[in-house]
C-alpha atoms as a PDB file:
ATOM      1  CA  UNK A   1     177.443 139.233 145.581  1.00  0.00           C
ATOM      2  CA  UNK A   2     175.859 136.665 142.251  1.00  0.00           C
ATOM      3  CA  UNK A   3     172.501 137.058 141.615  1.00  0.00           C
ATOM      4  CA  UNK A   4     171.175 133.683 140.867  1.00  0.00           C
ATOM      5  CA  UNK A   5     168.732 132.180 138.948  1.00  0.00           C
ATOM      6  CA  UNK A   6     166.993 131.206 142.034  1.00  0.00           C
ATOM      7  CA  UNK A   7     166.972 134.532 144.004  1.00  0.00           C
ATOM      8  CA  UNK A   8     165.174 135.932 140.667  1.00  0.00           C
ATOM      9  CA  UNK A   9     162.516 133.777 140.609  1.00  0.00           C
ATOM     10  CA  UNK A  10     161.871 134.382 144.178  1.00  0.00           C
ATOM     11  CA  UNK A  11     161.594 138.426 143.953  1.00  0.00           C
ATOM     12  CA  UNK A  12     159.467 137.931 141.093  1.00  0.00           C
ATOM     13  CA  UNK A  13     157.643 135.438 142.798  1.00  0.00           C
ATOM     14  CA  UNK A  14     157.421 137.900 145.403  1.00  0.00           C
ATOM     15  CA  UNK A  15     156.094 140.787 142.886  1.00  0.00           C
ATOM     16  CA  UNK A  16     155.296 139.467 139.582  1.00  0.00           C
ATOM     17  CA  UNK A  17     157.574 141.769 138.109  1.00  0.00           C
ATOM     18  CA  UNK A  18     159.508 141.272 134.588  1.00  0.00           C
ATOM     19  CA  UNK A  19     162.381 138.399 134.794  1.00  0.00           C
ATOM     20  CA  UNK A  20     165.032 141.285 133.152  1.00  0.00           C
ATOM     21  CA  UNK A  21     163.525 144.428 136.219  1.00  0.00           C
ATOM     22  CA  UNK A  22     164.042 141.236 139.283  1.00  0.00           C
ATOM     23  CA  UNK A  23     167.809 140.876 137.943  1.00  0.00           C
ATOM     24  CA  UNK A  24     168.543 144.646 137.632  1.00  0.00           C
ATOM     25  CA  UNK A  25     167.142 145.222 140.899  1.00  0.00           C
ATOM     26  CA  UNK A  26     169.106 142.525 142.414  1.00  0.00           C
ATOM     27  CA  UNK A  27     172.233 144.308 140.923  1.00  0.00           C
ATOM     28  CA  UNK A  28     171.892 147.498 142.722  1.00  0.00           C
ATOM     29  CA  UNK A  29     170.256 145.555 145.911  1.00  0.00           C
ATOM     30  CA  UNK A  30     173.625 143.778 145.924  1.00  0.00           C
ATOM     31  CA  UNK A  31     171.487 140.803 146.735  1.00  0.00           C
ATOM     32  CA  UNK A  32     169.294 142.775 150.032  1.00  0.00           C
ATOM     33  CA  UNK A  33     166.320 140.951 148.966  1.00  0.00           C
ATOM     34  CA  UNK A  34     164.049 143.813 150.655  1.00  0.00           C
ATOM     35  CA  UNK A  35     166.156 146.666 149.072  1.00  0.00           C
ATOM     36  CA  UNK A  36     164.982 144.782 145.574  1.00  0.00           C
ATOM     37  CA  UNK A  37     161.060 145.089 146.160  1.00  0.00           C
ATOM     38  CA  UNK A  38     162.280 148.533 147.558  1.00  0.00           C
ATOM     39  CA  UNK A  39     163.716 149.361 144.858  1.00  0.00           C
ATOM     40  CA  UNK A  40     161.002 147.596 141.854  1.00  0.00           C
ATOM     41  CA  UNK A  41     158.303 149.338 143.998  1.00  0.00           C
ATOM     42  CA  UNK A  42     159.717 153.048 143.000  1.00  0.00           C
ATOM     43  CA  UNK A  43     159.978 151.972 139.774  1.00  0.00           C
ATOM     44  CA  UNK A  44     156.630 151.837 139.829  1.00  0.00           C
ATOM     45  CA  UNK A  45     157.277 147.634 139.217  1.00  0.00           C
ATOM     46  CA  UNK A  46     155.663 146.023 141.881  1.00  0.00           C
ATOM     47  CA  UNK A  47     152.855 146.785 144.260  1.00  0.00           C
ATOM     48  CA  UNK A  48     152.955 146.671 148.155  1.00  0.00           C
ATOM     49  CA  UNK A  49     153.013 143.142 148.830  1.00  0.00           C
ATOM     50  CA  UNK A  50     151.729 141.981 152.503  1.00  0.00           C
ATOM     51  CA  UNK A  51     154.368 140.481 154.506  1.00  0.00           C
ATOM     52  CA  UNK A  52     153.608 136.543 154.678  1.00  0.00           C
ATOM     53  CA  UNK A  53     154.645 133.697 156.751  1.00  0.00           C
ATOM     54  CA  UNK A  54     155.699 130.351 154.725  1.00  0.00           C
ATOM     55  CA  UNK A  55     153.913 127.339 156.394  1.00  0.00           C
ATOM     56  CA  UNK A  56     156.211 124.852 156.316  1.00  0.00           C
ATOM     57  CA  UNK A  57     155.102 123.131 159.100  1.00  0.00           C
ATOM     58  CA  UNK A  58     151.616 121.243 159.757  1.00  0.00           C
ATOM     59  CA  UNK A  59     149.326 121.609 162.841  1.00  0.00           C
ATOM     60  CA  UNK A  60     146.790 124.317 164.340  1.00  0.00           C
ATOM     61  CA  UNK A  61     146.005 127.193 165.403  1.00  0.00           C
ATOM     62  CA  UNK A  62     143.950 127.019 168.729  1.00  0.00           C
ATOM     63  CA  UNK A  63     141.546 129.704 170.330  1.00  0.00           C
ATOM     64  CA  UNK A  64     140.154 129.913 173.566  1.00  0.00           C
ATOM     65  CA  UNK A  65     138.018 132.789 175.137  1.00  0.00           C
ATOM     66  CA  UNK A  66     136.593 131.953 179.170  1.00  0.00           C
ATOM     67  CA  UNK A  67     133.514 132.432 179.533  1.00  0.00           C
ATOM     68  CA  UNK A  68     132.675 136.292 180.585  1.00  0.00           C
ATOM     69  CA  UNK A  69     134.493 136.876 177.593  1.00  0.00           C
ATOM     70  CA  UNK A  70     137.907 138.873 179.598  1.00  0.00           C
ATOM     71  CA  UNK A  71     140.279 136.320 178.515  1.00  0.00           C
ATOM     72  CA  UNK A  72     141.208 135.420 175.426  1.00  0.00           C
ATOM     73  CA  UNK A  73     144.235 132.841 173.866  1.00  0.00           C
ATOM     74  CA  UNK A  74     146.382 131.848 170.952  1.00  0.00           C
ATOM     75  CA  UNK A  75     148.229 129.132 170.649  1.00  0.00           C
ATOM     76  CA  UNK A  76     149.967 126.958 167.667  1.00  0.00           C
ATOM     77  CA  UNK A  77     150.605 123.722 168.538  1.00  0.00           C
ATOM     78  CA  UNK A  78     153.147 122.351 165.453  1.00  0.00           C
ATOM     79  CA  UNK A  79     153.060 118.307 164.539  1.00  0.00           C
ATOM     80  CA  UNK A  80     155.069 116.645 160.753  1.00  0.00           C
ATOM     81  CA  UNK A  81     151.764 115.565 158.851  1.00  0.00           C
ATOM     82  CA  UNK A  82     148.605 116.849 158.427  1.00  0.00           C
ATOM     83  CA  UNK A  83     146.751 113.034 158.979  1.00  0.00           C
ATOM     84  CA  UNK A  84     147.860 114.088 163.356  1.00  0.00           C
ATOM     85  CA  UNK A  85     146.397 117.892 162.950  1.00  0.00           C
ATOM     86  CA  UNK A  86     143.010 116.434 162.243  1.00  0.00           C
ATOM     87  CA  UNK A  87     143.822 113.143 165.057  1.00  0.00           C
ATOM     88  CA  UNK A  88     141.042 113.891 167.995  1.00  0.00           C
ATOM     89  CA  UNK A  89     144.046 113.279 170.463  1.00  0.00           C
ATOM     90  CA  UNK A  90     145.258 115.922 168.725  1.00  0.00           C
ATOM     91  CA  UNK A  91     143.270 118.741 169.230  1.00  0.00           C
ATOM     92  CA  UNK A  92     142.227 117.629 172.315  1.00  0.00           C
ATOM     93  CA  UNK A  93     144.853 118.407 173.708  1.00  0.00           C
ATOM     94  CA  UNK A  94     145.735 121.508 171.560  1.00  0.00           C
ATOM     95  CA  UNK A  95     142.175 122.926 172.883  1.00  0.00           C
ATOM     96  CA  UNK A  96     142.960 121.726 176.683  1.00  0.00           C
ATOM     97  CA  UNK A  97     146.670 123.722 176.233  1.00  0.00           C
ATOM     98  CA  UNK A  98     144.818 126.597 175.381  1.00  0.00           C
ATOM     99  CA  UNK A  99     142.487 127.075 177.771  1.00  0.00           C
ATOM    100  CA  UNK A 100     145.204 125.795 180.268  1.00  0.00           C
ATOM    101  CA  UNK A 101     146.576 129.386 178.765  1.00  0.00           C
ATOM    102  CA  UNK A 102     143.835 131.811 179.683  1.00  0.00           C
ATOM    103  CA  UNK A 103     143.880 129.908 183.526  1.00  0.00           C
ATOM    104  CA  UNK A 104     147.620 129.860 184.004  1.00  0.00           C
ATOM    105  CA  UNK A 105     148.876 133.023 182.453  1.00  0.00           C
ATOM    106  CA  UNK A 106     152.369 132.154 181.906  1.00  0.00           C
ATOM    107  CA  UNK A 107     155.034 134.769 180.438  1.00  0.00           C
ATOM    108  CA  UNK A 108     156.303 132.767 177.866  1.00  0.00           C
ATOM    109  CA  UNK A 109     156.605 128.899 176.218  1.00  0.00           C
ATOM    110  CA  UNK A 110     159.487 128.169 178.119  1.00  0.00           C
ATOM    111  CA  UNK A 111     157.105 128.885 181.464  1.00  0.00           C
ATOM    112  CA  UNK A 112     154.113 127.670 180.921  1.00  0.00           C
ATOM    113  CA  UNK A 113     155.662 124.378 179.493  1.00  0.00           C
ATOM    114  CA  UNK A 114     156.973 123.423 182.877  1.00  0.00           C
ATOM    115  CA  UNK A 115     154.050 124.909 184.170  1.00  0.00           C
ATOM    116  CA  UNK A 116     151.357 121.829 185.894  1.00  0.00           C
ATOM    117  CA  UNK A 117     148.406 120.672 183.451  1.00  0.00           C
ATOM    118  CA  UNK A 118     146.035 122.173 184.866  1.00  0.00           C
ATOM    119  CA  UNK A 119     143.341 119.268 185.864  1.00  0.00           C
ATOM    120  CA  UNK A 120     146.098 116.855 186.168  1.00  0.00           C
ATOM    121  CA  UNK A 121     149.719 115.768 188.004  1.00  0.00           C
ATOM    122  CA  UNK A 122     152.710 116.622 185.295  1.00  0.00           C
ATOM    123  CA  UNK A 123     153.888 119.599 183.840  1.00  0.00           C
ATOM    124  CA  UNK A 124     152.936 120.988 180.262  1.00  0.00           C
ATOM    125  CA  UNK A 125     155.997 119.201 179.341  1.00  0.00           C
ATOM    126  CA  UNK A 126     155.310 116.043 180.069  1.00  0.00           C
ATOM    127  CA  UNK A 127     151.598 115.702 178.690  1.00  0.00           C
ATOM    128  CA  UNK A 128     153.319 116.785 175.591  1.00  0.00           C
ATOM    129  CA  UNK A 129     155.424 114.094 175.318  1.00  0.00           C
ATOM    130  CA  UNK A 130     152.871 111.812 177.126  1.00  0.00           C
ATOM    131  CA  UNK A 131     151.390 113.032 173.479  1.00  0.00           C
ATOM    132  CA  UNK A 132     153.836 113.220 171.555  1.00  0.00           C
ATOM    133  CA  UNK A 133     154.229 109.182 172.380  1.00  0.00           C
ATOM    134  CA  UNK A 134     151.003 108.689 171.365  1.00  0.00           C
ATOM    135  CA  UNK A 135     150.973 109.486 168.690  1.00  0.00           C
ATOM    136  CA  UNK A 136     153.724 109.054 167.016  1.00  0.00           C
ATOM    137  CA  UNK A 137     154.978 112.411 165.658  1.00  0.00           C
ATOM    138  CA  UNK A 138     157.340 114.972 166.750  1.00  0.00           C
ATOM    139  CA  UNK A 139     155.503 118.591 168.206  1.00  0.00           C
ATOM    140  CA  UNK A 140     156.444 121.742 169.554  1.00  0.00           C
ATOM    141  CA  UNK A 141     154.250 124.508 170.963  1.00  0.00           C
ATOM    142  CA  UNK A 142     155.413 127.136 168.633  1.00  0.00           C
ATOM    143  CA  UNK A 143     153.609 130.450 170.603  1.00  0.00           C
ATOM    144  CA  UNK A 144     151.073 131.688 172.234  1.00  0.00           C
ATOM    145  CA  UNK A 145     149.437 134.599 172.841  1.00  0.00           C
ATOM    146  CA  UNK A 146     147.387 135.929 175.641  1.00  0.00           C
ATOM    147  CA  UNK A 147     145.177 138.768 175.597  1.00  0.00           C
ATOM    148  CA  UNK A 148     142.579 140.002 179.479  1.00  0.00           C
ATOM    149  CA  UNK A 149     140.291 143.107 179.159  1.00  0.00           C
ATOM    150  CA  UNK A 150     141.753 145.133 181.511  1.00  0.00           C
ATOM    151  CA  UNK A 151     138.212 147.359 181.798  1.00  0.00           C
ATOM    152  CA  UNK A 152     134.667 147.484 180.590  1.00  0.00           C
ATOM    153  CA  UNK A 153     135.267 145.091 177.046  1.00  0.00           C
ATOM    154  CA  UNK A 154     135.083 142.135 175.769  1.00  0.00           C
ATOM    155  CA  UNK A 155     137.213 139.773 173.801  1.00  0.00           C
ATOM    156  CA  UNK A 156     136.025 137.127 170.702  1.00  0.00           C
ATOM    157  CA  UNK A 157     137.579 134.754 168.651  1.00  0.00           C
ATOM    158  CA  UNK A 158     137.434 133.790 165.004  1.00  0.00           C
ATOM    159  CA  UNK A 159     139.308 130.133 163.255  1.00  0.00           C
ATOM    160  CA  UNK A 160     139.424 129.833 159.811  1.00  0.00           C
ATOM    161  CA  UNK A 161     140.261 127.132 157.946  1.00  0.00           C
ATOM    162  CA  UNK A 162     140.082 124.017 160.631  1.00  0.00           C
ATOM    163  CA  UNK A 163     142.533 126.546 162.233  1.00  0.00           C
ATOM    164  CA  UNK A 164     145.302 127.628 160.348  1.00  0.00           C
ATOM    165  CA  UNK A 165     144.205 130.938 161.025  1.00  0.00           C
ATOM    166  CA  UNK A 166     143.389 131.941 164.292  1.00  0.00           C
ATOM    167  CA  UNK A 167     142.009 135.394 165.710  1.00  0.00           C
ATOM    168  CA  UNK A 168     141.488 137.464 168.685  1.00  0.00           C
ATOM    169  CA  UNK A 169     139.783 140.303 168.521  1.00  0.00           C
ATOM    170  CA  UNK A 170     138.756 143.099 171.623  1.00  0.00           C
ATOM    171  CA  UNK A 171     136.745 145.103 172.535  1.00  0.00           C
ATOM    172  CA  UNK A 172     135.902 148.618 174.318  1.00  0.00           C
ATOM    173  CA  UNK A 173     133.258 150.025 175.451  1.00  0.00           C
ATOM    174  CA  UNK A 174     131.568 151.864 178.181  1.00  0.00           C
ATOM    175  CA  UNK A 175     128.102 150.338 179.160  1.00  0.00           C
ATOM    176  CA  UNK A 176     128.430 146.216 181.392  1.00  0.00           C
ATOM    177  CA  UNK A 177     125.302 145.270 180.087  1.00  0.00           C
ATOM    178  CA  UNK A 178     126.487 145.747 176.164  1.00  0.00           C
ATOM    179  CA  UNK A 179     128.711 142.382 176.719  1.00  0.00           C
ATOM    180  CA  UNK A 180     126.042 140.443 176.501  1.00  0.00           C
ATOM    181  CA  UNK A 181     124.596 141.401 173.368  1.00  0.00           C
ATOM    182  CA  UNK A 182     124.222 139.639 170.943  1.00  0.00           C
ATOM    183  CA  UNK A 183     125.197 142.712 169.119  1.00  0.00           C
ATOM    184  CA  UNK A 184     128.179 142.948 169.821  1.00  0.00           C
ATOM    185  CA  UNK A 185     128.987 139.627 169.441  1.00  0.00           C
ATOM    186  CA  UNK A 186     127.598 139.241 165.962  1.00  0.00           C
ATOM    187  CA  UNK A 187     130.235 142.453 165.194  1.00  0.00           C
ATOM    188  CA  UNK A 188     132.945 141.023 166.784  1.00  0.00           C
ATOM    189  CA  UNK A 189     132.986 137.696 165.101  1.00  0.00           C
ATOM    190  CA  UNK A 190     132.265 139.874 161.678  1.00  0.00           C
ATOM    191  CA  UNK A 191     135.433 142.098 162.421  1.00  0.00           C
ATOM    192  CA  UNK A 192     137.827 138.808 163.646  1.00  0.00           C
ATOM    193  CA  UNK A 193     136.372 137.834 159.837  1.00  0.00           C
ATOM    194  CA  UNK A 194     138.252 140.459 158.785  1.00  0.00           C
ATOM    195  CA  UNK A 195     141.541 140.344 160.055  1.00  0.00           C
ATOM    196  CA  UNK A 196     141.730 136.981 159.264  1.00  0.00           C
ATOM    197  CA  UNK A 197     140.647 137.675 156.173  1.00  0.00           C
ATOM    198  CA  UNK A 198     142.493 140.808 155.201  1.00  0.00           C
ATOM    199  CA  UNK A 199     145.533 140.604 157.440  1.00  0.00           C
ATOM    200  CA  UNK A 200     145.517 144.008 158.899  1.00  0.00           C
ATOM    201  CA  UNK A 201     148.697 145.469 160.267  1.00  0.00           C
ATOM    202  CA  UNK A 202     147.136 147.818 162.916  1.00  0.00           C
ATOM    203  CA  UNK A 203     144.122 148.992 164.057  1.00  0.00           C
ATOM    204  CA  UNK A 204     143.997 152.694 162.847  1.00  0.00           C
ATOM    205  CA  UNK A 205     146.470 155.146 161.015  1.00  0.00           C
ATOM    206  CA  UNK A 206     147.865 156.162 163.991  1.00  0.00           C
ATOM    207  CA  UNK A 207     149.138 152.744 165.761  1.00  0.00           C
ATOM    208  CA  UNK A 208     151.439 151.685 162.739  1.00  0.00           C
ATOM    209  CA  UNK A 209     155.012 151.980 163.890  1.00  0.00           C
ATOM    210  CA  UNK A 210     156.579 155.438 162.752  1.00  0.00           C
ATOM    211  CA  UNK A 211     159.715 154.172 160.851  1.00  0.00           C
ATOM    212  CA  UNK A 212     157.080 151.437 158.535  1.00  0.00           C
ATOM    213  CA  UNK A 213     155.590 155.207 157.602  1.00  0.00           C
ATOM    214  CA  UNK A 214     158.458 156.397 156.603  1.00  0.00           C
ATOM    215  CA  UNK A 215     159.638 153.128 155.194  1.00  0.00           C
ATOM    216  CA  UNK A 216     156.453 153.784 153.099  1.00  0.00           C
ATOM    217  CA  UNK A 217     156.557 157.438 152.484  1.00  0.00           C
ATOM    218  CA  UNK A 218     160.462 157.138 151.372  1.00  0.00           C
ATOM    219  CA  UNK A 219     159.428 154.923 148.718  1.00  0.00           C
ATOM    220  CA  UNK A 220     155.769 157.058 147.998  1.00  0.00           C
ATOM    221  CA  UNK A 221     157.898 159.829 147.648  1.00  0.00           C
ATOM    222  CA  UNK A 222     160.800 158.652 144.575  1.00  0.00           C
ATOM    223  CA  UNK A 223     158.023 157.276 143.486  1.00  0.00           C
ATOM    224  CA  UNK A 224     156.349 161.333 142.598  1.00  0.00           C
ATOM    225  CA  UNK A 225     160.010 162.216 142.033  1.00  0.00           C
ATOM    226  CA  UNK A 226     159.845 160.775 138.828  1.00  0.00           C
ATOM    227  CA  UNK A 227     156.898 162.065 137.806  1.00  0.00           C
ATOM    228  CA  UNK A 228     158.805 165.404 136.892  1.00  0.00           C
ATOM    229  CA  UNK A 229     156.260 167.541 138.511  1.00  0.00           C
ATOM    230  CA  UNK A 230     156.265 170.016 140.979  1.00  0.00           C
ATOM    231  CA  UNK A 231     157.781 169.672 144.191  1.00  0.00           C
ATOM    232  CA  UNK A 232     154.913 170.544 146.050  1.00  0.00           C
ATOM    233  CA  UNK A 233     152.850 167.741 143.603  1.00  0.00           C
ATOM    234  CA  UNK A 234     155.603 165.399 144.576  1.00  0.00           C
ATOM    235  CA  UNK A 235     154.806 165.411 148.031  1.00  0.00           C
ATOM    236  CA  UNK A 236     149.986 165.465 147.651  1.00  0.00           C
ATOM    237  CA  UNK A 237     151.096 162.447 145.253  1.00  0.00           C
ATOM    238  CA  UNK A 238     153.086 160.839 148.829  1.00  0.00           C
ATOM    239  CA  UNK A 239     150.938 161.757 150.877  1.00  0.00           C
ATOM    240  CA  UNK A 240     147.647 160.903 149.133  1.00  0.00           C
ATOM    241  CA  UNK A 241     149.396 157.038 148.042  1.00  0.00           C
ATOM    242  CA  UNK A 242     150.298 157.035 151.989  1.00  0.00           C
ATOM    243  CA  UNK A 243     146.036 157.436 152.618  1.00  0.00           C
ATOM    244  CA  UNK A 244     145.881 154.786 150.405  1.00  0.00           C
ATOM    245  CA  UNK A 245     148.304 153.033 152.251  1.00  0.00           C
ATOM    246  CA  UNK A 246     146.404 153.045 155.328  1.00  0.00           C
ATOM    247  CA  UNK A 247     143.257 151.557 153.470  1.00  0.00           C
ATOM    248  CA  UNK A 248     145.741 148.515 152.741  1.00  0.00           C
ATOM    249  CA  UNK A 249     146.621 147.944 156.427  1.00  0.00           C
ATOM    250  CA  UNK A 250     145.007 149.320 158.937  1.00  0.00           C
ATOM    251  CA  UNK A 251     141.552 147.543 160.245  1.00  0.00           C
ATOM    252  CA  UNK A 252     139.465 150.161 159.994  1.00  0.00           C
ATOM    253  CA  UNK A 253     140.587 151.702 157.557  1.00  0.00           C
ATOM    254  CA  UNK A 254     139.499 148.520 155.309  1.00  0.00           C
ATOM    255  CA  UNK A 255     136.661 147.592 153.152  1.00  0.00           C
ATOM    256  CA  UNK A 256     134.018 146.079 155.022  1.00  0.00           C
ATOM    257  CA  UNK A 257     134.577 142.551 153.963  1.00  0.00           C
ATOM    258  CA  UNK A 258     131.019 141.459 154.352  1.00  0.00           C
ATOM    259  CA  UNK A 259     130.123 145.106 152.472  1.00  0.00           C
ATOM    260  CA  UNK A 260     133.190 146.525 150.489  1.00  0.00           C
ATOM    261  CA  UNK A 261     131.031 149.784 150.460  1.00  0.00           C
ATOM    262  CA  UNK A 262     131.374 150.437 154.324  1.00  0.00           C
ATOM    263  CA  UNK A 263     134.978 150.579 156.048  1.00  0.00           C
ATOM    264  CA  UNK A 264     135.185 149.241 159.193  1.00  0.00           C
ATOM    265  CA  UNK A 265     135.076 152.072 160.994  1.00  0.00           C
ATOM    266  CA  UNK A 266     131.578 152.154 159.551  1.00  0.00           C
ATOM    267  CA  UNK A 267     130.931 149.376 160.642  1.00  0.00           C
ATOM    268  CA  UNK A 268     131.731 150.189 164.580  1.00  0.00           C
ATOM    269  CA  UNK A 269     129.944 153.172 164.200  1.00  0.00           C
ATOM    270  CA  UNK A 270     126.506 151.724 163.134  1.00  0.00           C
ATOM    271  CA  UNK A 271     126.852 148.915 165.528  1.00  0.00           C
ATOM    272  CA  UNK A 272     128.026 151.320 168.663  1.00  0.00           C
ATOM    273  CA  UNK A 273     124.895 153.899 167.347  1.00  0.00           C
ATOM    274  CA  UNK A 274     122.279 149.966 167.453  1.00  0.00           C
ATOM    275  CA  UNK A 275     123.470 149.448 171.395  1.00  0.00           C
ATOM    276  CA  UNK A 276     122.994 152.823 172.579  1.00  0.00           C
ATOM    277  CA  UNK A 277     127.399 152.690 173.567  1.00  0.00           C
ATOM    278  CA  UNK A 278     130.304 154.112 172.254  1.00  0.00           C
ATOM    279  CA  UNK A 279     132.179 150.810 171.112  1.00  0.00           C
ATOM    280  CA  UNK A 280     135.885 150.375 170.123  1.00  0.00           C
ATOM    281  CA  UNK A 281     138.187 148.350 168.629  1.00  0.00           C
ATOM    282  CA  UNK A 282     141.048 148.036 171.291  1.00  0.00           C
ATOM    283  CA  UNK A 283     143.325 145.107 169.383  1.00  0.00           C
ATOM    284  CA  UNK A 284     143.873 142.027 167.385  1.00  0.00           C
ATOM    285  CA  UNK A 285     146.089 139.108 167.477  1.00  0.00           C
ATOM    286  CA  UNK A 286     146.743 137.238 164.192  1.00  0.00           C
ATOM    287  CA  UNK A 287     148.286 133.563 163.931  1.00  0.00           C
ATOM    288  CA  UNK A 288     148.735 132.133 160.796  1.00  0.00           C
ATOM    289  CA  UNK A 289     149.962 128.701 161.057  1.00  0.00           C
ATOM    290  CA  UNK A 290     153.233 128.838 159.847  1.00  0.00           C
ATOM    291  CA  UNK A 291     154.524 132.172 159.937  1.00  0.00           C
ATOM    292  CA  UNK A 292     157.082 131.109 162.298  1.00  0.00           C
ATOM    293  CA  UNK A 293     158.456 127.332 161.873  1.00  0.00           C
ATOM    294  CA  UNK A 294     162.027 127.573 162.940  1.00  0.00           C
ATOM    295  CA  UNK A 295     161.725 126.202 166.081  1.00  0.00           C
ATOM    296  CA  UNK A 296     163.189 123.373 167.474  1.00  0.00           C
ATOM    297  CA  UNK A 297     160.762 120.684 168.876  1.00  0.00           C
ATOM    298  CA  UNK A 298     159.008 120.668 172.071  1.00  0.00           C
ATOM    299  CA  UNK A 299     159.100 117.193 172.321  1.00  0.00           C
ATOM    300  CA  UNK A 300     160.096 113.762 170.173  1.00  0.00           C
END
């Protein structure tokens, strides 16, 4: 496969490695960008790169949490320009849509668009079409997620950068009165801000998919083998790097952004003690505008 200058530049932007190193890696990988990144990482020429979606669309991510904190929604709606993304009618539609999803619990976007919009006589698709006609731009309901607490727990949301990033955090605890505690609300806001800023991929190491762990370990073992040290030492090096990986990508292991001297796990333990309850972070959801912007517009 021909390795183009554009491919080399893209790999360089992804990894920070030198141009010649990028070209060699792409040649060895036969043009496969992911394999080339792994080759550079194995040689210590590129750091771990967290996957980030390419924000190609304008629009907004909105959140809704029910009054009892038991249902939470994130929804992303895209449009063509930032001007419309900041329009009051557009924002009202997206916020009402989030509330509708919480109440109607559609299975997916297709099911959502065929539902009668809560409080109206028309379907979501028809209301979307009306909004498109009013504002004069194509719009697309790209995705949504709806979480509902099953036991004793609560959900909180956080919107960053005016709708560029949206987060839901779900916590579990044992005492029903904990749900109304200001201390819990403060904790969940801090944890949601952490998710927005640090972009973890899992709550804890146990939640990281096995194939991801094995992939990382294979790279760390290859890096350790380059050292020429005894096999037992190589294994310790690889395991140590895996633990560092967990601290980068697992929410509870990350350094708390507001106080890097402690981990998020430490923060949760401290608040649990203050509340006299056992609080745990069950799950989180994080949407970044434009991460999945390949869909066709739902209305035009």
